[in-house]
PDB file of all heavy atoms in Angstrom:
ATOM      1  N   GLY A   1       0.765  -1.235   0.000  1.00  0.00           N
ATOM      2  CA  GLY A   1       0.000   0.000   0.000  1.00  0.00           C
ATOM      3  C   GLY A   1       0.797   1.286   0.000  1.00  0.00           C
ATOM      4  O   GLY A   1       0.244   2.348   0.188  1.00  0.00           O
ATOM      5  N   ASN A   2       2.112   1.191  -0.240  1.00  0.00           N
ATOM      6  CA  ASN A   2       2.920   2.405  -0.218  1.00  0.00           C
ATOM      7  C   ASN A   2       3.249   2.943  -1.615  1.00  0.00           C
ATOM      8  O   ASN A   2       3.936   3.942  -1.743  1.00  0.00           O
ATOM      9  CB  ASN A   2       4.207   2.189   0.589  1.00  0.00           C
ATOM     10  CG  ASN A   2       5.151   1.194  -0.044  1.00  0.00           C
ATOM     11  OD1 ASN A   2       4.879   0.612  -1.084  1.00  0.00           O
ATOM     12  ND2 ASN A   2       6.275   0.974   0.605  1.00  0.00           N
ATOM     13  N   GLY A   3       2.773   2.278  -2.656  1.00  0.00           N
ATOM     14  CA  GLY A   3       3.003   2.767  -4.010  1.00  0.00           C
ATOM     15  C   GLY A   3       4.316   2.357  -4.628  1.00  0.00           C
ATOM     16  O   GLY A   3       4.670   2.831  -5.707  1.00  0.00           O
ATOM     17  N   TYR A   4       5.045   1.472  -3.977  1.00  0.00           N
ATOM     18  CA  TYR A   4       6.307   0.962  -4.510  1.00  0.00           C
ATOM     19  C   TYR A   4       6.255  -0.550  -4.440  1.00  0.00           C
ATOM     20  O   TYR A   4       6.064  -1.119  -3.367  1.00  0.00           O
ATOM     21  CB  TYR A   4       7.504   1.488  -3.709  1.00  0.00           C
ATOM     22  CG  TYR A   4       7.619   2.987  -3.787  1.00  0.00           C
ATOM     23  CD1 TYR A   4       7.061   3.790  -2.798  1.00  0.00           C
ATOM     24  CD2 TYR A   4       8.242   3.599  -4.867  1.00  0.00           C
ATOM     25  CE1 TYR A   4       7.130   5.169  -2.875  1.00  0.00           C
ATOM     26  CE2 TYR A   4       8.321   4.977  -4.951  1.00  0.00           C
ATOM     27  CZ  TYR A   4       7.770   5.763  -3.951  1.00  0.00           C
ATOM     28  OH  TYR A   4       7.838   7.124  -4.031  1.00  0.00           O
ATOM     29  N   LEU A   5       6.431  -1.217  -5.564  1.00  0.00           N
ATOM     30  CA  LEU A   5       6.361  -2.675  -5.582  1.00  0.00           C
ATOM     31  C   LEU A   5       7.689  -3.245  -5.118  1.00  0.00           C
ATOM     32  O   LEU A   5       8.704  -3.112  -5.790  1.00  0.00           O
ATOM     33  CB  LEU A   5       6.013  -3.190  -6.979  1.00  0.00           C
ATOM     34  CG  LEU A   5       5.768  -4.688  -7.027  1.00  0.00           C
ATOM     35  CD1 LEU A   5       4.530  -5.054  -6.210  1.00  0.00           C
ATOM     36  CD2 LEU A   5       5.606  -5.159  -8.444  1.00  0.00           C
ATOM     37  N   GLU A   6       7.649  -3.891  -3.958  1.00  0.00           N
ATOM     38  CA  GLU A   6       8.838  -4.445  -3.346  1.00  0.00           C
ATOM     39  C   GLU A   6       8.773  -5.969  -3.391  1.00  0.00           C
ATOM     40  O   GLU A   6       7.714  -6.543  -3.636  1.00  0.00           O
ATOM     41  CB  GLU A   6       8.926  -3.948  -1.906  1.00  0.00           C
ATOM     42  CG  GLU A   6       9.088  -2.442  -1.850  1.00  0.00           C
ATOM     43  CD  GLU A   6       8.477  -1.794  -0.623  1.00  0.00           C
ATOM     44  OE1 GLU A   6       7.480  -2.306  -0.084  1.00  0.00           O
ATOM     45  OE2 GLU A   6       9.004  -0.758  -0.224  1.00  0.00           O
ATOM     46  N   SER A   7       9.898  -6.590  -3.145  1.00  0.00           N
ATOM     47  CA  SER A   7       9.941  -8.043  -3.072  1.00  0.00           C
ATOM     48  C   SER A   7       8.930  -8.517  -2.042  1.00  0.00           C
ATOM     49  O   SER A   7       8.815  -7.945  -0.965  1.00  0.00           O
ATOM     50  CB  SER A   7      11.355  -8.480  -2.674  1.00  0.00           C
ATOM     51  OG  SER A   7      11.404  -9.874  -2.540  1.00  0.00           O
ATOM     52  N   GLY A   8       8.162  -9.545  -2.383  1.00  0.00           N
ATOM     53  CA  GLY A   8       7.158 -10.068  -1.474  1.00  0.00           C
ATOM     54  C   GLY A   8       5.784  -9.450  -1.648  1.00  0.00           C
ATOM     55  O   GLY A   8       4.903  -9.673  -0.825  1.00  0.00           O
ATOM     56  N   GLU A   9       5.594  -8.680  -2.710  1.00  0.00           N
ATOM     57  CA  GLU A   9       4.304  -8.026  -2.958  1.00  0.00           C
ATOM     58  C   GLU A   9       3.750  -8.405  -4.324  1.00  0.00           C
ATOM     59  O   GLU A   9       4.478  -8.862  -5.200  1.00  0.00           O
ATOM     60  CB  GLU A   9       4.441  -6.501  -2.885  1.00  0.00           C
ATOM     61  CG  GLU A   9       4.839  -6.007  -1.527  1.00  0.00           C
ATOM     62  CD  GLU A   9       4.993  -4.500  -1.457  1.00  0.00           C
ATOM     63  OE1 GLU A   9       5.131  -3.836  -2.503  1.00  0.00           O
ATOM     64  OE2 GLU A   9       4.987  -3.987  -0.345  1.00  0.00           O
ATOM     65  N   PHE A  10       2.462  -8.196  -4.481  1.00  0.00           N
ATOM     66  CA  PHE A  10       1.772  -8.373  -5.762  1.00  0.00           C
ATOM     67  C   PHE A  10       1.306  -6.992  -6.198  1.00  0.00           C
ATOM     68  O   PHE A  10       0.642  -6.293  -5.446  1.00  0.00           O
ATOM     69  CB  PHE A  10       0.580  -9.313  -5.593  1.00  0.00           C
ATOM     70  CG  PHE A  10      -0.271  -9.450  -6.820  1.00  0.00           C
ATOM     71  CD1 PHE A  10       0.208 -10.116  -7.936  1.00  0.00           C
ATOM     72  CD2 PHE A  10      -1.539  -8.903  -6.865  1.00  0.00           C
ATOM     73  CE1 PHE A  10      -0.576 -10.243  -9.074  1.00  0.00           C
ATOM     74  CE2 PHE A  10      -2.331  -9.029  -7.999  1.00  0.00           C
ATOM     75  CZ  PHE A  10      -1.842  -9.695  -9.109  1.00  0.00           C
ATOM     76  N   GLY A  11       1.679  -6.595  -7.398  1.00  0.00           N
ATOM     77  CA  GLY A  11       1.364  -5.250  -7.862  1.00  0.00           C
ATOM     78  C   GLY A  11       0.371  -5.214  -9.006  1.00  0.00           C
ATOM     79  O   GLY A  11       0.461  -5.982  -9.949  1.00  0.00           O
ATOM     80  N   GLU A  12      -0.573  -4.304  -8.877  1.00  0.00           N
ATOM     81  CA  GLU A  12      -1.545  -3.981  -9.926  1.00  0.00           C
ATOM     82  C   GLU A  12      -1.179  -2.595 -10.449  1.00  0.00           C
ATOM     83  O   GLU A  12      -1.078  -1.651  -9.666  1.00  0.00           O
ATOM     84  CB  GLU A  12      -2.965  -3.942  -9.339  1.00  0.00           C
ATOM     85  CG  GLU A  12      -3.432  -5.242  -8.749  1.00  0.00           C
ATOM     86  CD  GLU A  12      -4.000  -6.175  -9.793  1.00  0.00           C
ATOM     87  OE1 GLU A  12      -4.010  -5.834 -10.983  1.00  0.00           O
ATOM     88  OE2 GLU A  12      -4.441  -7.259  -9.400  1.00  0.00           O
ATOM     89  N   TYR A  13      -1.003  -2.470 -11.770  1.00  0.00           N
ATOM     90  CA  TYR A  13      -0.576  -1.203 -12.360  1.00  0.00           C
ATOM     91  C   TYR A  13      -1.710  -0.550 -13.149  1.00  0.00           C
ATOM     92  O   TYR A  13      -2.495  -1.232 -13.808  1.00  0.00           O
ATOM     93  CB  TYR A  13       0.617  -1.421 -13.293  1.00  0.00           C
ATOM     94  CG  TYR A  13       1.887  -1.724 -12.564  1.00  0.00           C
ATOM     95  CD1 TYR A  13       2.207  -3.023 -12.201  1.00  0.00           C
ATOM     96  CD2 TYR A  13       2.769  -0.709 -12.226  1.00  0.00           C
ATOM     97  CE1 TYR A  13       3.374  -3.306 -11.525  1.00  0.00           C
ATOM     98  CE2 TYR A  13       3.943  -0.983 -11.550  1.00  0.00           C
ATOM     99  CZ  TYR A  13       4.242  -2.281 -11.207  1.00  0.00           C
ATOM    100  OH  TYR A  13       5.392  -2.563 -10.539  1.00  0.00           O
ATOM    101  N   TYR A  14      -1.717   0.753 -13.118  1.00  0.00           N
ATOM    102  CA  TYR A  14      -2.730   1.530 -13.822  1.00  0.00           C
ATOM    103  C   TYR A  14      -2.575   1.400 -15.345  1.00  0.00           C
ATOM    104  O   TYR A  14      -3.555   1.306 -16.063  1.00  0.00           O
ATOM    105  CB  TYR A  14      -2.649   2.996 -13.396  1.00  0.00           C
ATOM    106  CG  TYR A  14      -3.684   3.867 -14.042  1.00  0.00           C
ATOM    107  CD1 TYR A  14      -5.019   3.779 -13.666  1.00  0.00           C
ATOM    108  CD2 TYR A  14      -3.332   4.782 -15.033  1.00  0.00           C
ATOM    109  CE1 TYR A  14      -5.979   4.579 -14.254  1.00  0.00           C
ATOM    110  CE2 TYR A  14      -4.288   5.583 -15.623  1.00  0.00           C
ATOM    111  CZ  TYR A  14      -5.611   5.483 -15.241  1.00  0.00           C
ATOM    112  OH  TYR A  14      -6.564   6.265 -15.833  1.00  0.00           O
ATOM    113  N   ASN A  15      -1.344   1.396 -15.838  1.00  0.00           N
ATOM    114  CA  ASN A  15      -1.088   1.310 -17.280  1.00  0.00           C
ATOM    115  C   ASN A  15      -0.494  -0.041 -17.669  1.00  0.00           C
ATOM    116  O   ASN A  15      -0.012  -0.788 -16.815  1.00  0.00           O
ATOM    117  CB  ASN A  15      -0.134   2.424 -17.730  1.00  0.00           C
ATOM    118  CG  ASN A  15      -0.799   3.772 -17.785  1.00  0.00           C
ATOM    119  OD1 ASN A  15      -2.006   3.878 -17.965  1.00  0.00           O
ATOM    120  ND2 ASN A  15      -0.014   4.827 -17.614  1.00  0.00           N
ATOM    121  N   SER A  16      -0.476  -0.310 -18.947  1.00  0.00           N
ATOM    122  CA  SER A  16       0.171  -1.512 -19.482  1.00  0.00           C
ATOM    123  C   SER A  16       1.674  -1.444 -19.245  1.00  0.00           C
ATOM    124  O   SER A  16       2.228  -0.371 -18.991  1.00  0.00           O
ATOM    125  CB  SER A  16      -0.107  -1.633 -20.983  1.00  0.00           C
ATOM    126  OG  SER A  16      -1.491  -1.781 -21.198  1.00  0.00           O
ATOM    127  N   ASN A  17       2.318  -2.599 -19.346  1.00  0.00           N
ATOM    128  CA  ASN A  17       3.775  -2.720 -19.220  1.00  0.00           C
ATOM    129  C   ASN A  17       4.294  -2.206 -17.885  1.00  0.00           C
ATOM    130  O   ASN A  17       5.347  -1.578 -17.823  1.00  0.00           O
ATOM    131  CB  ASN A  17       4.475  -2.023 -20.384  1.00  0.00           C
ATOM    132  CG  ASN A  17       4.040  -2.583 -21.704  1.00  0.00           C
ATOM    133  OD1 ASN A  17       3.977  -3.789 -21.890  1.00  0.00           O
ATOM    134  ND2 ASN A  17       3.700  -1.699 -22.644  1.00  0.00           N
ATOM    135  N   GLN A  18       3.531  -2.454 -16.816  1.00  0.00           N
ATOM    136  CA  GLN A  18       3.883  -2.040 -15.468  1.00  0.00           C
ATOM    137  C   GLN A  18       4.166  -0.537 -15.400  1.00  0.00           C
ATOM    138  O   GLN A  18       5.107  -0.073 -14.769  1.00  0.00           O
ATOM    139  CB  GLN A  18       5.076  -2.835 -14.916  1.00  0.00           C
ATOM    140  CG  GLN A  18       4.814  -4.314 -14.737  1.00  0.00           C
ATOM    141  CD  GLN A  18       4.769  -5.068 -16.060  1.00  0.00           C
ATOM    142  OE1 GLN A  18       5.642  -4.916 -16.889  1.00  0.00           O
ATOM    143  NE2 GLN A  18       3.747  -5.865 -16.241  1.00  0.00           N
ATOM    144  N   GLY A  19       3.317   0.225 -16.070  1.00  0.00           N
ATOM    145  CA  GLY A  19       3.456   1.677 -16.095  1.00  0.00           C
ATOM    146  C   GLY A  19       2.431   2.375 -15.236  1.00  0.00           C
ATOM    147  O   GLY A  19       1.421   1.810 -14.839  1.00  0.00           O
ATOM    148  N   GLY A  20       2.701   3.624 -14.972  1.00  0.00           N
ATOM    149  CA  GLY A  20       1.812   4.423 -14.146  1.00  0.00           C
ATOM    150  C   GLY A  20       1.942   4.041 -12.684  1.00  0.00           C
ATOM    151  O   GLY A  20       2.877   3.365 -12.270  1.00  0.00           O
ATOM    152  N   CYS A  21       0.983   4.473 -11.902  1.00  0.00           N
ATOM    153  CA  CYS A  21       1.000   4.171 -10.466  1.00  0.00           C
ATOM    154  C   CYS A  21       0.699   2.699 -10.232  1.00  0.00           C
ATOM    155  O   CYS A  21       0.090   2.031 -11.055  1.00  0.00           O
ATOM    156  CB  CYS A  21      -0.029   5.027  -9.747  1.00  0.00           C
ATOM    157  SG  CYS A  21       0.410   6.767  -9.637  1.00  0.00           S
ATOM    158  N   VAL A  22       1.120   2.232  -9.071  1.00  0.00           N
ATOM    159  CA  VAL A  22       0.923   0.835  -8.690  1.00  0.00           C
ATOM    160  C   VAL A  22       0.149   0.776  -7.378  1.00  0.00           C
ATOM    161  O   VAL A  22       0.236   1.677  -6.553  1.00  0.00           O
ATOM    162  CB  VAL A  22       2.279   0.096  -8.555  1.00  0.00           C
ATOM    163  CG1 VAL A  22       3.114   0.657  -7.423  1.00  0.00           C
ATOM    164  CG2 VAL A  22       2.076  -1.400  -8.380  1.00  0.00           C
ATOM    165  N   TRP A  23      -0.606  -0.275  -7.234  1.00  0.00           N
ATOM    166  CA  TRP A  23      -1.218  -0.611  -5.952  1.00  0.00           C
ATOM    167  C   TRP A  23      -0.602  -1.938  -5.556  1.00  0.00           C
ATOM    168  O   TRP A  23      -0.737  -2.935  -6.259  1.00  0.00           O
ATOM    169  CB  TRP A  23      -2.731  -0.685  -6.078  1.00  0.00           C
ATOM    170  CG  TRP A  23      -3.389  -0.981  -4.777  1.00  0.00           C
ATOM    171  CD1 TRP A  23      -3.352  -0.224  -3.646  1.00  0.00           C
ATOM    172  CD2 TRP A  23      -4.174  -2.116  -4.470  1.00  0.00           C
ATOM    173  NE1 TRP A  23      -4.070  -0.830  -2.655  1.00  0.00           N
ATOM    174  CE2 TRP A  23      -4.588  -1.998  -3.135  1.00  0.00           C
ATOM    175  CE3 TRP A  23      -4.572  -3.236  -5.190  1.00  0.00           C
ATOM    176  CZ2 TRP A  23      -5.382  -2.944  -2.507  1.00  0.00           C
ATOM    177  CZ3 TRP A  23      -5.361  -4.167  -4.569  1.00  0.00           C
ATOM    178  CH2 TRP A  23      -5.761  -4.016  -3.242  1.00  0.00           C
ATOM    179  N   ASP A  24       0.099  -1.965  -4.441  1.00  0.00           N
ATOM    180  CA  ASP A  24       0.866  -3.134  -4.022  1.00  0.00           C
ATOM    181  C   ASP A  24       0.195  -3.844  -2.855  1.00  0.00           C
ATOM    182  O   ASP A  24      -0.063  -3.250  -1.826  1.00  0.00           O
ATOM    183  CB  ASP A  24       2.302  -2.739  -3.685  1.00  0.00           C
ATOM    184  CG  ASP A  24       2.397  -1.500  -2.805  1.00  0.00           C
ATOM    185  OD1 ASP A  24       1.595  -0.571  -2.960  1.00  0.00           O
ATOM    186  OD2 ASP A  24       3.291  -1.469  -1.946  1.00  0.00           O
ATOM    187  N   LEU A  25      -0.095  -5.125  -3.074  1.00  0.00           N
ATOM    188  CA  LEU A  25      -0.756  -5.953  -2.065  1.00  0.00           C
ATOM    189  C   LEU A  25       0.242  -6.899  -1.423  1.00  0.00           C
ATOM    190  O   LEU A  25       1.158  -7.378  -2.084  1.00  0.00           O
ATOM    191  CB  LEU A  25      -1.828  -6.834  -2.712  1.00  0.00           C
ATOM    192  CG  LEU A  25      -3.051  -6.228  -3.339  1.00  0.00           C
ATOM    193  CD1 LEU A  25      -2.826  -5.932  -4.792  1.00  0.00           C
ATOM    194  CD2 LEU A  25      -4.187  -7.192  -3.186  1.00  0.00           C
ATOM    195  N   VAL A  26      -0.004  -7.206  -0.164  1.00  0.00           N
ATOM    196  CA  VAL A  26       0.746  -8.237   0.531  1.00  0.00           C
ATOM    197  C   VAL A  26      -0.203  -9.383   0.860  1.00  0.00           C
ATOM    198  O   VAL A  26       0.166 -10.542   0.815  1.00  0.00           O
ATOM    199  CB  VAL A  26       1.403  -7.685   1.813  1.00  0.00           C
ATOM    200  CG1 VAL A  26       2.121  -8.778   2.581  1.00  0.00           C
ATOM    201  CG2 VAL A  26       2.372  -6.576   1.469  1.00  0.00           C
ATOM    202  N   THR A  27      -1.439  -9.045   1.187  1.00  0.00           N
ATOM    203  CA  THR A  27      -2.454 -10.038   1.511  1.00  0.00           C
ATOM    204  C   THR A  27      -3.642  -9.870   0.582  1.00  0.00           C
ATOM    205  O   THR A  27      -3.740  -8.890  -0.151  1.00  0.00           O
ATOM    206  CB  THR A  27      -2.938  -9.899   2.967  1.00  0.00           C
ATOM    207  OG1 THR A  27      -3.516  -8.600   3.128  1.00  0.00           O
ATOM    208  CG2 THR A  27      -1.793 -10.066   3.946  1.00  0.00           C
ATOM    209  N   GLU A  28      -4.558 -10.801   0.635  1.00  0.00           N
ATOM    210  CA  GLU A  28      -5.727 -10.775  -0.239  1.00  0.00           C
ATOM    211  C   GLU A  28      -6.612  -9.568   0.022  1.00  0.00           C
ATOM    212  O   GLU A  28      -6.555  -8.958   1.090  1.00  0.00           O
ATOM    213  CB  GLU A  28      -6.528 -12.062  -0.070  1.00  0.00           C
ATOM    214  CG  GLU A  28      -7.072 -12.259   1.325  1.00  0.00           C
ATOM    215  CD  GLU A  28      -7.643 -13.652   1.511  1.00  0.00           C
ATOM    216  OE1 GLU A  28      -7.092 -14.616   0.964  1.00  0.00           O
ATOM    217  OE2 GLU A  28      -8.655 -13.762   2.211  1.00  0.00           O
ATOM    218  N   ASP A  29      -7.412  -9.239  -0.991  1.00  0.00           N
ATOM    219  CA  ASP A  29      -8.369  -8.143  -0.871  1.00  0.00           C
ATOM    220  C   ASP A  29      -9.611  -8.513  -1.668  1.00  0.00           C
ATOM    221  O   ASP A  29      -9.539  -8.739  -2.874  1.00  0.00           O
ATOM    222  CB  ASP A  29      -7.772  -6.848  -1.388  1.00  0.00           C
ATOM    223  CG  ASP A  29      -8.592  -5.635  -0.987  1.00  0.00           C
ATOM    224  OD1 ASP A  29      -9.837  -5.714  -1.026  1.00  0.00           O
ATOM    225  OD2 ASP A  29      -7.992  -4.611  -0.649  1.00  0.00           O
ATOM    226  N   SER A  30     -10.732  -8.569  -1.003  1.00  0.00           N
ATOM    227  CA  SER A  30     -11.975  -9.007  -1.649  1.00  0.00           C
ATOM    228  C   SER A  30     -12.695  -7.894  -2.386  1.00  0.00           C
ATOM    229  O   SER A  30     -13.630  -8.163  -3.143  1.00  0.00           O
ATOM    230  CB  SER A  30     -12.920  -9.626  -0.619  1.00  0.00           C
ATOM    231  OG  SER A  30     -13.318  -8.653   0.323  1.00  0.00           O
ATOM    232  N   GLN A  31     -12.270  -6.639  -2.189  1.00  0.00           N
ATOM    233  CA  GLN A  31     -12.946  -5.523  -2.858  1.00  0.00           C
ATOM    234  C   GLN A  31     -11.953  -4.419  -3.163  1.00  0.00           C
ATOM    235  O   GLN A  31     -11.497  -3.727  -2.257  1.00  0.00           O
ATOM    236  CB  GLN A  31     -14.073  -4.987  -1.975  1.00  0.00           C
ATOM    237  CG  GLN A  31     -15.151  -6.014  -1.742  1.00  0.00           C
ATOM    238  CD  GLN A  31     -16.375  -5.400  -1.088  1.00  0.00           C
ATOM    239  OE1 GLN A  31     -16.594  -4.199  -1.099  1.00  0.00           O
ATOM    240  NE2 GLN A  31     -17.212  -6.249  -0.524  1.00  0.00           N
ATOM    241  N   PHE A  32     -11.648  -4.252  -4.432  1.00  0.00           N
ATOM    242  CA  PHE A  32     -10.710  -3.208  -4.839  1.00  0.00           C
ATOM    243  C   PHE A  32     -11.349  -1.823  -4.861  1.00  0.00           C
ATOM    244  O   PHE A  32     -10.661  -0.836  -5.045  1.00  0.00           O
ATOM    245  CB  PHE A  32     -10.153  -3.507  -6.230  1.00  0.00           C
ATOM    246  CG  PHE A  32      -9.127  -4.620  -6.271  1.00  0.00           C
ATOM    247  CD1 PHE A  32      -8.758  -5.329  -5.152  1.00  0.00           C
ATOM    248  CD2 PHE A  32      -8.526  -4.943  -7.467  1.00  0.00           C
ATOM    249  CE1 PHE A  32      -7.823  -6.348  -5.201  1.00  0.00           C
ATOM    250  CE2 PHE A  32      -7.581  -5.954  -7.550  1.00  0.00           C
ATOM    251  CZ  PHE A  32      -7.234  -6.653  -6.416  1.00  0.00           C
ATOM    252  N   ASN A  33     -12.660  -1.730  -4.694  1.00  0.00           N
ATOM    253  CA  ASN A  33     -13.331  -0.431  -4.826  1.00  0.00           C
ATOM    254  C   ASN A  33     -13.007   0.528  -3.674  1.00  0.00           C
ATOM    255  O   ASN A  33     -13.343   1.699  -3.749  1.00  0.00           O
ATOM    256  CB  ASN A  33     -14.846  -0.604  -4.956  1.00  0.00           C
ATOM    257  CG  ASN A  33     -15.479  -1.223  -3.718  1.00  0.00           C
ATOM    258  OD1 ASN A  33     -14.790  -1.708  -2.844  1.00  0.00           O
ATOM    259  ND2 ASN A  33     -16.793  -1.220  -3.676  1.00  0.00           N
ATOM    260  N   ASN A  34     -12.339   0.063  -2.642  1.00  0.00           N
ATOM    261  CA  ASN A  34     -11.953   0.949  -1.550  1.00  0.00           C
ATOM    262  C   ASN A  34     -10.434   1.152  -1.494  1.00  0.00           C
ATOM    263  O   ASN A  34      -9.880   1.457  -0.449  1.00  0.00           O
ATOM    264  CB  ASN A  34     -12.485   0.422  -0.213  1.00  0.00           C
ATOM    265  CG  ASN A  34     -11.981  -0.976   0.107  1.00  0.00           C
ATOM    266  OD1 ASN A  34     -11.269  -1.585  -0.693  1.00  0.00           O
ATOM    267  ND2 ASN A  34     -12.348  -1.503   1.258  1.00  0.00           N
ATOM    268  N   ASN A  35      -9.779   0.967  -2.639  1.00  0.00           N
ATOM    269  CA  ASN A  35      -8.332   1.155  -2.759  1.00  0.00           C
ATOM    270  C   ASN A  35      -8.032   2.068  -3.939  1.00  0.00           C
ATOM    271  O   ASN A  35      -8.735   2.035  -4.949  1.00  0.00           O
ATOM    272  CB  ASN A  35      -7.635  -0.192  -2.979  1.00  0.00           C
ATOM    273  CG  ASN A  35      -7.902  -1.151  -1.837  1.00  0.00           C
ATOM    274  OD1 ASN A  35      -7.498  -0.914  -0.718  1.00  0.00           O
ATOM    275  ND2 ASN A  35      -8.613  -2.216  -2.116  1.00  0.00           N
ATOM    276  N   TRP A  36      -6.949   2.854  -3.799  1.00  0.00           N
ATOM    277  CA  TRP A  36      -6.572   3.785  -4.845  1.00  0.00           C
ATOM    278  C   TRP A  36      -5.106   3.599  -5.195  1.00  0.00           C
ATOM    279  O   TRP A  36      -4.294   3.256  -4.344  1.00  0.00           O
ATOM    280  CB  TRP A  36      -6.807   5.220  -4.375  1.00  0.00           C
ATOM    281  CG  TRP A  36      -8.254   5.500  -4.177  1.00  0.00           C
ATOM    282  CD1 TRP A  36      -9.101   6.064  -5.085  1.00  0.00           C
ATOM    283  CD2 TRP A  36      -9.056   5.182  -3.047  1.00  0.00           C
ATOM    284  NE1 TRP A  36     -10.375   6.115  -4.582  1.00  0.00           N
ATOM    285  CE2 TRP A  36     -10.385   5.576  -3.322  1.00  0.00           C
ATOM    286  CE3 TRP A  36      -8.811   4.583  -1.814  1.00  0.00           C
ATOM    287  CZ2 TRP A  36     -11.425   5.412  -2.432  1.00  0.00           C
ATOM    288  CZ3 TRP A  36      -9.844   4.416  -0.917  1.00  0.00           C
ATOM    289  CH2 TRP A  36     -11.136   4.834  -1.238  1.00  0.00           C
ATOM    290  N   PHE A  37      -4.784   3.843  -6.473  1.00  0.00           N
ATOM    291  CA  PHE A  37      -3.394   3.784  -6.900  1.00  0.00           C
ATOM    292  C   PHE A  37      -2.614   4.879  -6.191  1.00  0.00           C
ATOM    293  O   PHE A  37      -3.079   6.013  -6.076  1.00  0.00           O
ATOM    294  CB  PHE A  37      -3.280   3.974  -8.416  1.00  0.00           C
ATOM    295  CG  PHE A  37      -3.776   2.800  -9.202  1.00  0.00           C
ATOM    296  CD1 PHE A  37      -5.019   2.836  -9.808  1.00  0.00           C
ATOM    297  CD2 PHE A  37      -3.008   1.659  -9.327  1.00  0.00           C
ATOM    298  CE1 PHE A  37      -5.484   1.753 -10.533  1.00  0.00           C
ATOM    299  CE2 PHE A  37      -3.462   0.569 -10.047  1.00  0.00           C
ATOM    300  CZ  PHE A  37      -4.698   0.620 -10.653  1.00  0.00           C
ATOM    301  N   VAL A  38      -1.430   4.525  -5.719  1.00  0.00           N
ATOM    302  CA  VAL A  38      -0.552   5.478  -5.063  1.00  0.00           C
ATOM    303  C   VAL A  38       0.813   5.413  -5.723  1.00  0.00           C
ATOM    304  O   VAL A  38       1.126   4.479  -6.452  1.00  0.00           O
ATOM    305  CB  VAL A  38      -0.427   5.191  -3.547  1.00  0.00           C
ATOM    306  CG1 VAL A  38      -1.735   5.431  -2.840  1.00  0.00           C
ATOM    307  CG2 VAL A  38       0.049   3.772  -3.285  1.00  0.00           C
ATOM    308  N   GLY A  39       1.595   6.403  -5.489  1.00  0.00           N
ATOM    309  CA  GLY A  39       2.933   6.447  -6.049  1.00  0.00           C
ATOM    310  C   GLY A  39       3.433   7.871  -6.065  1.00  0.00           C
ATOM    311  O   GLY A  39       2.801   8.774  -5.505  1.00  0.00           O
ATOM    312  N   PRO A  40       4.548   8.081  -6.729  1.00  0.00           N
ATOM    313  CA  PRO A  40       5.128   9.423  -6.764  1.00  0.00           C
ATOM    314  C   PRO A  40       4.173  10.422  -7.422  1.00  0.00           C
ATOM    315  O   PRO A  40       3.371  10.063  -8.287  1.00  0.00           O
ATOM    316  CB  PRO A  40       6.389   9.260  -7.615  1.00  0.00           C
ATOM    317  CG  PRO A  40       6.562   7.812  -7.849  1.00  0.00           C
ATOM    318  CD  PRO A  40       5.309   7.115  -7.482  1.00  0.00           C
ATOM    319  N   SER A  41       4.273  11.639  -7.011  1.00  0.00           N
ATOM    320  CA  SER A  41       3.447  12.698  -7.584  1.00  0.00           C
ATOM    321  C   SER A  41       3.604  12.714  -9.103  1.00  0.00           C
ATOM    322  O   SER A  41       4.705  12.618  -9.619  1.00  0.00           O
ATOM    323  CB  SER A  41       3.882  14.049  -7.010  1.00  0.00           C
ATOM    324  OG  SER A  41       3.095  15.077  -7.548  1.00  0.00           O
ATOM    325  N   GLY A  42       2.504  12.765  -9.797  1.00  0.00           N
ATOM    326  CA  GLY A  42       2.531  12.833 -11.252  1.00  0.00           C
ATOM    327  C   GLY A  42       2.442  11.496 -11.964  1.00  0.00           C
ATOM    328  O   GLY A  42       2.354  11.461 -13.193  1.00  0.00           O
ATOM    329  N   CYS A  43       2.464  10.371 -11.240  1.00  0.00           N
ATOM    330  CA  CYS A  43       2.359   9.085 -11.940  1.00  0.00           C
ATOM    331  C   CYS A  43       0.919   8.904 -12.436  1.00  0.00           C
ATOM    332  O   CYS A  43      -0.034   9.295 -11.762  1.00  0.00           O
ATOM    333  CB  CYS A  43       2.812   7.924 -11.070  1.00  0.00           C
ATOM    334  SG  CYS A  43       1.789   7.525  -9.658  1.00  0.00           S
TER     335      CYS A  43
END
């Protein structure tokens, strides 16, 4: 959830080819509607 995909995480990216902001999970999530992409300003 910090916007940086680190070892041991599963990342969902806003754009193709792992581009744009990322949402990084460590554990399961049954509803993505309460999560937002995070990352550096401007991604």
